[in-house]
C-alpha atoms as a PDB file:
ATOM      1  CA  MET A   1     -56.936  35.103  39.372  1.00  0.00           C
ATOM      2  CA  ALA A   2     -53.692  33.100  39.090  1.00  0.00           C
ATOM      3  CA  ASN A   3     -51.631  36.251  39.617  1.00  0.00           C
ATOM      4  CA  LEU A   4     -53.588  37.153  42.733  1.00  0.00           C
ATOM      5  CA  CYS A   5     -53.248  33.656  44.203  1.00  0.00           C
ATOM      6  CA  LEU A   6     -49.496  33.634  43.568  1.00  0.00           C
ATOM      7  CA  LYS A   7     -49.127  37.073  45.128  1.00  0.00           C
ATOM      8  CA  LEU A   8     -50.973  35.861  48.214  1.00  0.00           C
ATOM      9  CA  LEU A   9     -48.480  32.981  48.436  1.00  0.00           C
ATOM     10  CA  GLY A  10     -45.615  35.504  48.582  1.00  0.00           C
ATOM     11  CA  HIS A  11     -44.432  35.465  44.975  1.00  0.00           C
ATOM     12  CA  GLN A  12     -43.634  38.660  43.047  1.00  0.00           C
ATOM     13  CA  ILE A  13     -45.914  38.788  40.014  1.00  0.00           C
ATOM     14  CA  ALA A  14     -46.586  41.831  37.849  1.00  0.00           C
ATOM     15  CA  TRP A  15     -50.276  42.328  37.127  1.00  0.00           C
ATOM     16  CA  SER A  16     -49.553  42.329  33.382  1.00  0.00           C
ATOM     17  CA  ALA A  17     -47.816  38.925  33.512  1.00  0.00           C
ATOM     18  CA  LYS A  18     -49.774  36.061  31.940  1.00  0.00           C
ATOM     19  CA  ILE A  19     -49.631  32.414  32.995  1.00  0.00           C
ATOM     20  CA  GLY A  20     -51.314  29.740  30.883  1.00  0.00           C
ATOM     21  CA  PHE A  21     -52.526  26.278  31.823  1.00  0.00           C
ATOM     22  CA  VAL A  22     -49.302  24.897  33.334  1.00  0.00           C
ATOM     23  CA  PHE A  23     -47.901  22.758  36.133  1.00  0.00           C
ATOM     24  CA  LEU A  24     -45.816  25.256  38.084  1.00  0.00           C
ATOM     25  CA  CYS A  25     -44.111  24.380  41.364  1.00  0.00           C
ATOM     26  CA  VAL A  26     -41.293  26.667  42.544  1.00  0.00           C
ATOM     27  CA  ASP A  27     -39.979  27.944  45.867  1.00  0.00           C
ATOM     28  CA  LYS A  28     -39.699  31.514  44.576  1.00  0.00           C
ATOM     29  CA  LEU A  29     -41.322  33.067  41.515  1.00  0.00           C
ATOM     30  CA  ILE A  30     -40.592  36.552  40.144  1.00  0.00           C
ATOM     31  CA  LEU A  31     -42.366  37.639  36.948  1.00  0.00           C
ATOM     32  CA  GLY A  32     -41.877  41.141  35.577  1.00  0.00           C
ATOM     33  CA  PRO A  33     -44.239  43.224  33.430  1.00  0.00           C
ATOM     34  CA  LYS A  34     -45.594  41.609  30.245  1.00  0.00           C
ATOM     35  CA  VAL A  35     -44.029  38.229  31.011  1.00  0.00           C
ATOM     36  CA  THR A  36     -45.807  35.238  29.459  1.00  0.00           C
ATOM     37  CA  ILE A  37     -45.700  31.545  30.385  1.00  0.00           C
ATOM     38  CA  GLY A  38     -47.545  29.547  27.715  1.00  0.00           C
ATOM     39  CA  HIS A  39     -49.783  26.493  27.998  1.00  0.00           C
ATOM     40  CA  PHE A  40     -48.796  22.928  28.885  1.00  0.00           C
ATOM     41  CA  ASN A  41     -45.405  23.571  30.451  1.00  0.00           C
ATOM     42  CA  PHE A  42     -44.125  21.406  33.311  1.00  0.00           C
ATOM     43  CA  ILE A  43     -41.960  23.557  35.603  1.00  0.00           C
ATOM     44  CA  TYR A  44     -40.763  22.029  38.882  1.00  0.00           C
ATOM     45  CA  ILE A  45     -37.629  23.854  40.045  1.00  0.00           C
ATOM     46  CA  LYS A  46     -36.320  25.931  42.948  1.00  0.00           C
ATOM     47  CA  ASN A  47     -36.488  29.498  41.648  1.00  0.00           C
ATOM     48  CA  LEU A  48     -37.780  31.140  38.485  1.00  0.00           C
ATOM     49  CA  THR A  49     -37.127  34.796  37.630  1.00  0.00           C
ATOM     50  CA  ILE A  50     -38.277  36.278  34.316  1.00  0.00           C
ATOM     51  CA  GLU A  51     -37.710  39.987  33.798  1.00  0.00           C
ATOM     52  CA  ASP A  52     -39.761  42.386  31.634  1.00  0.00           C
ATOM     53  CA  GLU A  53     -41.255  40.931  28.443  1.00  0.00           C
ATOM     54  CA  GLY A  54     -39.524  37.575  28.809  1.00  0.00           C
ATOM     55  CA  TYR A  55     -41.448  34.432  28.037  1.00  0.00           C
ATOM     56  CA  ILE A  56     -41.627  30.652  28.086  1.00  0.00           C
ATOM     57  CA  GLY A  57     -43.451  29.111  25.120  1.00  0.00           C
ATOM     58  CA  LYS A  58     -45.389  25.842  25.195  1.00  0.00           C
ATOM     59  CA  LEU A  59     -44.767  22.199  26.051  1.00  0.00           C
ATOM     60  CA  ASN A  60     -41.431  22.667  27.801  1.00  0.00           C
ATOM     61  CA  VAL A  61     -40.181  20.488  30.655  1.00  0.00           C
ATOM     62  CA  ILE A  62     -37.996  22.291  33.217  1.00  0.00           C
ATOM     63  CA  LYS A  63     -37.279  20.246  36.316  1.00  0.00           C
ATOM     64  CA  GLY A  64     -34.780  19.540  39.063  1.00  0.00           C
ATOM     65  CA  PRO A  65     -32.999  21.417  41.877  1.00  0.00           C
ATOM     66  CA  LEU A  66     -32.008  24.400  39.740  1.00  0.00           C
ATOM     67  CA  SER A  67     -32.800  28.080  39.291  1.00  0.00           C
ATOM     68  CA  CYS A  68     -33.692  29.861  36.054  1.00  0.00           C
ATOM     69  CA  VAL A  69     -33.041  33.568  35.524  1.00  0.00           C
ATOM     70  CA  PHE A  70     -34.137  35.309  32.317  1.00  0.00           C
ATOM     71  CA  LYS A  71     -33.075  38.918  31.861  1.00  0.00           C
ATOM     72  CA  LYS A  72     -35.228  41.442  29.954  1.00  0.00           C
ATOM     73  CA  ARG A  73     -36.872  39.757  26.926  1.00  0.00           C
ATOM     74  CA  GLY A  74     -34.993  36.521  27.566  1.00  0.00           C
ATOM     75  CA  ALA A  75     -37.014  33.578  26.304  1.00  0.00           C
ATOM     76  CA  ILE A  76     -37.464  29.847  25.821  1.00  0.00           C
ATOM     77  CA  GLY A  77     -39.463  28.622  22.825  1.00  0.00           C
ATOM     78  CA  ASN A  78     -41.338  25.317  22.634  1.00  0.00           C
ATOM     79  CA  LEU A  79     -40.698  21.647  23.388  1.00  0.00           C
ATOM     80  CA  ASN A  80     -37.379  22.071  25.205  1.00  0.00           C
ATOM     81  CA  PHE A  81     -36.185  19.704  27.942  1.00  0.00           C
ATOM     82  CA  ILE A  82     -34.171  21.356  30.732  1.00  0.00           C
ATOM     83  CA  LYS A  83     -33.135  19.064  33.564  1.00  0.00           C
ATOM     84  CA  ARG A  84     -30.972  18.644  36.628  1.00  0.00           C
ATOM     85  CA  SER A  85     -30.713  15.365  38.540  1.00  0.00           C
ATOM     86  CA  ALA A  86     -31.455  15.089  42.244  1.00  0.00           C
ATOM     87  CA  ILE A  87     -29.013  16.221  44.930  1.00  0.00           C
ATOM     88  CA  GLY A  88     -26.747  13.292  45.698  1.00  0.00           C
ATOM     89  CA  ILE A  89     -26.186  12.762  42.003  1.00  0.00           C
ATOM     90  CA  THR A  90     -25.614  16.519  41.672  1.00  0.00           C
ATOM     91  CA  TYR A  91     -24.346  18.869  44.383  1.00  0.00           C
ATOM     92  CA  GLY A  92     -24.561  22.499  45.438  1.00  0.00           C
ATOM     93  CA  GLU A  93     -26.432  25.150  43.440  1.00  0.00           C
ATOM     94  CA  ALA A  94     -26.848  25.400  39.668  1.00  0.00           C
ATOM     95  CA  ARG A  95     -28.666  27.806  37.392  1.00  0.00           C
ATOM     96  CA  LEU A  96     -29.645  28.483  33.812  1.00  0.00           C
ATOM     97  CA  GLU A  97     -29.278  32.184  33.027  1.00  0.00           C
ATOM     98  CA  LEU A  98     -30.338  33.906  29.807  1.00  0.00           C
ATOM     99  CA  GLY A  99     -29.196  37.458  29.112  1.00  0.00           C
ATOM    100  CA  GLU A 100     -31.198  40.274  27.560  1.00  0.00           C
ATOM    101  CA  LEU A 101     -33.005  39.250  24.349  1.00  0.00           C
ATOM    102  CA  THR A 102     -31.357  35.823  24.465  1.00  0.00           C
ATOM    103  CA  LYS A 103     -33.418  32.832  23.375  1.00  0.00           C
ATOM    104  CA  LEU A 104     -33.420  29.040  23.345  1.00  0.00           C
ATOM    105  CA  THR A 105     -35.645  28.126  20.402  1.00  0.00           C
ATOM    106  CA  THR A 106     -37.116  24.610  20.166  1.00  0.00           C
ATOM    107  CA  ARG A 107     -36.459  20.944  20.959  1.00  0.00           C
ATOM    108  CA  HIS A 108     -33.134  21.484  22.713  1.00  0.00           C
ATOM    109  CA  TYR A 109     -31.813  19.340  25.593  1.00  0.00           C
ATOM    110  CA  ILE A 110     -30.149  21.306  28.386  1.00  0.00           C
ATOM    111  CA  ASP A 111     -28.320  19.506  31.224  1.00  0.00           C
ATOM    112  CA  VAL A 112     -27.901  21.851  34.186  1.00  0.00           C
ATOM    113  CA  THR A 113     -25.742  19.639  36.401  1.00  0.00           C
ATOM    114  CA  ARG A 114     -23.611  22.804  36.622  1.00  0.00           C
ATOM    115  CA  ASP A 115     -24.346  26.393  35.568  1.00  0.00           C
ATOM    116  CA  ILE A 116     -25.206  27.326  31.988  1.00  0.00           C
ATOM    117  CA  ILE A 117     -24.946  31.091  31.498  1.00  0.00           C
ATOM    118  CA  PHE A 118     -25.755  33.008  28.302  1.00  0.00           C
ATOM    119  CA  GLY A 119     -24.870  36.650  27.772  1.00  0.00           C
ATOM    120  CA  ASP A 120     -27.014  39.228  25.981  1.00  0.00           C
ATOM    121  CA  PHE A 121     -28.396  39.088  22.411  1.00  0.00           C
ATOM    122  CA  SER A 122     -27.469  35.439  21.865  1.00  0.00           C
ATOM    123  CA  ILE A 123     -29.482  32.523  20.514  1.00  0.00           C
ATOM    124  CA  LEU A 124     -29.452  28.741  20.620  1.00  0.00           C
ATOM    125  CA  ALA A 125     -31.165  28.591  17.237  1.00  0.00           C
ATOM    126  CA  GLY A 126     -32.884  25.927  15.152  1.00  0.00           C
ATOM    127  CA  SER A 127     -33.573  22.675  16.985  1.00  0.00           C
ATOM    128  CA  GLY A 128     -31.947  19.580  18.388  1.00  0.00           C
ATOM    129  CA  SER A 129     -28.880  20.983  20.171  1.00  0.00           C
ATOM    130  CA  GLN A 130     -27.598  19.484  23.424  1.00  0.00           C
ATOM    131  CA  MET A 131     -25.666  21.167  26.225  1.00  0.00           C
ATOM    132  CA  TRP A 132     -23.981  18.834  28.703  1.00  0.00           C
ATOM    133  CA  THR A 133     -22.347  20.005  31.929  1.00  0.00           C
ATOM    134  CA  HIS A 134     -21.280  16.534  33.024  1.00  0.00           C
ATOM    135  CA  GLY A 135     -19.613  13.553  31.410  1.00  0.00           C
ATOM    136  CA  TYR A 136     -17.554  10.486  32.334  1.00  0.00           C
ATOM    137  CA  VAL A 137     -14.014   9.232  31.864  1.00  0.00           C
ATOM    138  CA  HIS A 138     -13.703   5.438  32.005  1.00  0.00           C
ATOM    139  CA  GLY A 139     -10.656   3.426  32.931  1.00  0.00           C
ATOM    140  CA  GLN A 140      -9.033   1.376  30.182  1.00  0.00           C
ATOM    141  CA  SER A 141     -10.232  -1.817  31.843  1.00  0.00           C
ATOM    142  CA  GLY A 142     -12.616  -2.831  34.597  1.00  0.00           C
ATOM    143  CA  ALA A 143     -15.434  -0.813  36.135  1.00  0.00           C
ATOM    144  CA  GLU A 144     -13.457   2.274  37.168  1.00  0.00           C
ATOM    145  CA  ARG A 145     -14.806   5.626  36.050  1.00  0.00           C
ATOM    146  CA  ILE A 146     -14.966   9.226  37.240  1.00  0.00           C
ATOM    147  CA  ARG A 147     -17.433  11.991  36.450  1.00  0.00           C
ATOM    148  CA  VAL A 148     -16.231  15.324  35.089  1.00  0.00           C
ATOM    149  CA  ASP A 149     -18.457  18.384  35.603  1.00  0.00           C
ATOM    150  CA  GLY A 150     -18.013  21.837  34.116  1.00  0.00           C
ATOM    151  CA  GLU A 151     -20.169  24.903  33.599  1.00  0.00           C
ATOM    152  CA  ILE A 152     -20.885  26.289  30.141  1.00  0.00           C
ATOM    153  CA  LYS A 153     -20.611  30.022  29.475  1.00  0.00           C
ATOM    154  CA  VAL A 154     -21.839  31.669  26.283  1.00  0.00           C
ATOM    155  CA  GLY A 155     -20.985  35.322  25.656  1.00  0.00           C
ATOM    156  CA  ASN A 156     -22.865  38.195  24.043  1.00  0.00           C
ATOM    157  CA  ASN A 157     -24.035  38.238  20.405  1.00  0.00           C
ATOM    158  CA  VAL A 158     -23.468  34.515  19.913  1.00  0.00           C
ATOM    159  CA  TYR A 159     -25.341  32.472  17.292  1.00  0.00           C
ATOM    160  CA  ILE A 160     -25.482  28.685  17.650  1.00  0.00           C
ATOM    161  CA  GLY A 161     -26.936  26.636  14.782  1.00  0.00           C
ATOM    162  CA  SER A 162     -29.040  23.468  14.908  1.00  0.00           C
ATOM    163  CA  ARG A 163     -27.911  20.134  16.320  1.00  0.00           C
ATOM    164  CA  CYS A 164     -24.774  21.289  18.090  1.00  0.00           C
ATOM    165  CA  ILE A 165     -23.389  19.372  21.063  1.00  0.00           C
ATOM    166  CA  PHE A 166     -21.556  21.162  23.869  1.00  0.00           C
ATOM    167  CA  ASN A 167     -19.173  19.331  26.204  1.00  0.00           C
ATOM    168  CA  PRO A 168     -18.746  20.294  29.874  1.00  0.00           C
ATOM    169  CA  GLY A 169     -16.596  23.260  30.785  1.00  0.00           C
ATOM    170  CA  VAL A 170     -16.528  25.177  27.497  1.00  0.00           C
ATOM    171  CA  LEU A 171     -16.528  28.953  27.068  1.00  0.00           C
ATOM    172  CA  ILE A 172     -17.913  30.700  23.984  1.00  0.00           C
ATOM    173  CA  GLY A 173     -16.637  34.253  23.552  1.00  0.00           C
ATOM    174  CA  ASP A 174     -18.545  37.320  22.363  1.00  0.00           C
ATOM    175  CA  GLY A 175     -19.445  37.554  18.678  1.00  0.00           C
ATOM    176  CA  VAL A 176     -18.935  33.859  17.903  1.00  0.00           C
ATOM    177  CA  THR A 177     -21.054  31.915  15.390  1.00  0.00           C
ATOM    178  CA  VAL A 178     -21.177  28.128  15.790  1.00  0.00           C
ATOM    179  CA  GLY A 179     -22.261  26.352  12.610  1.00  0.00           C
ATOM    180  CA  GLY A 180     -24.891  23.619  12.649  1.00  0.00           C
ATOM    181  CA  ASN A 181     -23.950  20.041  13.572  1.00  0.00           C
ATOM    182  CA  SER A 182     -20.828  21.180  15.411  1.00  0.00           C
ATOM    183  CA  ALA A 183     -19.330  19.404  18.414  1.00  0.00           C
ATOM    184  CA  VAL A 184     -17.959  22.034  20.790  1.00  0.00           C
ATOM    185  CA  THR A 185     -15.240  20.407  22.875  1.00  0.00           C
ATOM    186  CA  LYS A 186     -13.007  23.382  23.666  1.00  0.00           C
ATOM    187  CA  ASN A 187     -13.220  27.120  24.285  1.00  0.00           C
ATOM    188  CA  LEU A 188     -14.074  29.320  21.289  1.00  0.00           C
ATOM    189  CA  ILE A 189     -12.720  32.763  22.137  1.00  0.00           C
ATOM    190  CA  GLU A 190     -11.864  34.586  18.908  1.00  0.00           C
ATOM    191  CA  LYS A 191     -14.774  36.255  17.084  1.00  0.00           C
ATOM    192  CA  GLY A 192     -15.846  34.536  13.877  1.00  0.00           C
ATOM    193  CA  MET A 193     -17.516  31.360  12.640  1.00  0.00           C
ATOM    194  CA  TYR A 194     -16.602  27.856  13.756  1.00  0.00           C
ATOM    195  CA  MET A 195     -17.527  24.573  12.050  1.00  0.00           C
ATOM    196  CA  SER A 196     -16.953  20.963  13.075  1.00  0.00           C
ATOM    197  CA  GLN A 197     -13.741  19.296  11.970  1.00  0.00           C
ATOM    198  CA  ARG A 198     -12.889  15.717  11.138  1.00  0.00           C
ATOM    199  CA  LEU A 199     -12.688  13.241  14.001  1.00  0.00           C
ATOM    200  CA  ARG A 200      -9.224  13.150  15.522  1.00  0.00           C
ATOM    201  CA  HIS A 201      -7.554  10.857  18.023  1.00  0.00           C
ATOM    202  CA  VAL A 202      -6.791  12.310  21.458  1.00  0.00           C
ATOM    203  CA  GLU A 203      -4.881  10.378  24.116  1.00  0.00           C
ATOM    204  CA  LYS A 204      -7.028  10.084  27.241  1.00  0.00           C
ATOM    205  CA  ASP A 205      -6.052   8.305  30.441  1.00  0.00           C
ATOM    206  CA  ILE A 206      -8.210   8.275  33.560  1.00  0.00           C
ATOM    207  CA  ASN A 207      -5.253   8.923  35.877  1.00  0.00           C
ATOM    208  CA  GLU A 208      -4.072  11.877  33.795  1.00  0.00           C
ATOM    209  CA  VAL A 209      -7.573  13.358  33.933  1.00  0.00           C
ATOM    210  CA  ARG A 210      -7.809  12.719  37.671  1.00  0.00           C
ATOM    211  CA  ASN A 211      -4.480  14.460  38.326  1.00  0.00           C
ATOM    212  CA  ARG A 212      -5.322  17.452  36.133  1.00  0.00           C
ATOM    213  CA  LEU A 213      -8.751  18.267  37.559  1.00  0.00           C
ATOM    214  CA  ILE A 214     -10.035  19.178  41.020  1.00  0.00           C
ATOM    215  CA  LYS A 215     -11.961  16.531  42.939  1.00  0.00           C
ATOM    216  CA  VAL A 216     -15.276  17.558  44.509  1.00  0.00           C
ATOM    217  CA  THR A 217     -14.956  16.685  48.203  1.00  0.00           C
ATOM    218  CA  ASP A 218     -17.411  19.031  49.937  1.00  0.00           C
ATOM    219  CA  PHE A 219     -20.521  17.084  48.907  1.00  0.00           C
ATOM    220  CA  ASP A 220     -21.649  13.453  49.059  1.00  0.00           C
ATOM    221  CA  THR A 221     -22.157  12.194  45.503  1.00  0.00           C
ATOM    222  CA  LEU A 222     -22.788   8.764  44.022  1.00  0.00           C
ATOM    223  CA  ASP A 223     -19.785   9.033  41.690  1.00  0.00           C
ATOM    224  CA  ASP A 224     -16.265  10.360  42.100  1.00  0.00           C
ATOM    225  CA  VAL A 225     -16.708  13.828  40.602  1.00  0.00           C
ATOM    226  CA  TYR A 226     -14.038  16.170  39.231  1.00  0.00           C
ATOM    227  CA  GLU A 227     -14.531  19.765  38.046  1.00  0.00           C
ATOM    228  CA  LYS A 228     -13.105  21.279  34.877  1.00  0.00           C
END
């Protein structure tokens, strides 16, 4: 019955797709054959596309002015929180994209201020990882600060262990393994395994950051925003 009602509203739903007891509010919904959306999800976004055999588990929160695209057998597990703040705080379009047979497992926090794009056959494994596509640089005194946004791209055949934290603007190349409890602050291009290192001091000045990055001027935002 749910599939028929959604079809009548103009959405593209395969007859073999299954939708559980969920709150689902989207502008455009495309569900391919054998797609499953489990019980007790809260999904309030612009567009949701899940290709053949993809699925969303249970008890996930996905909300904000963003689009989600899952390629064939792309999936989200249970109890994840995927969020984008309202336009005015954010700007333009943003999307979460999962490639073929790529999965976000459980209890991860995903900030989609800017795009987060996974390639094929990759996994955000375990639990408790965070992906951030925005952050702030504060002046050395007073109230001055600027926001720095940057999309996150994860390649094909990437494994990411539990409790990793991703900073804005990082790129993970194909065939990379990120060990658990790692802080990813720069691009990881060469194939192989990466683990966190000891804390190190890095000089950081707000004016240097401002001069190095590109200011967002085409949108009205609450903060001064710069893109990595």
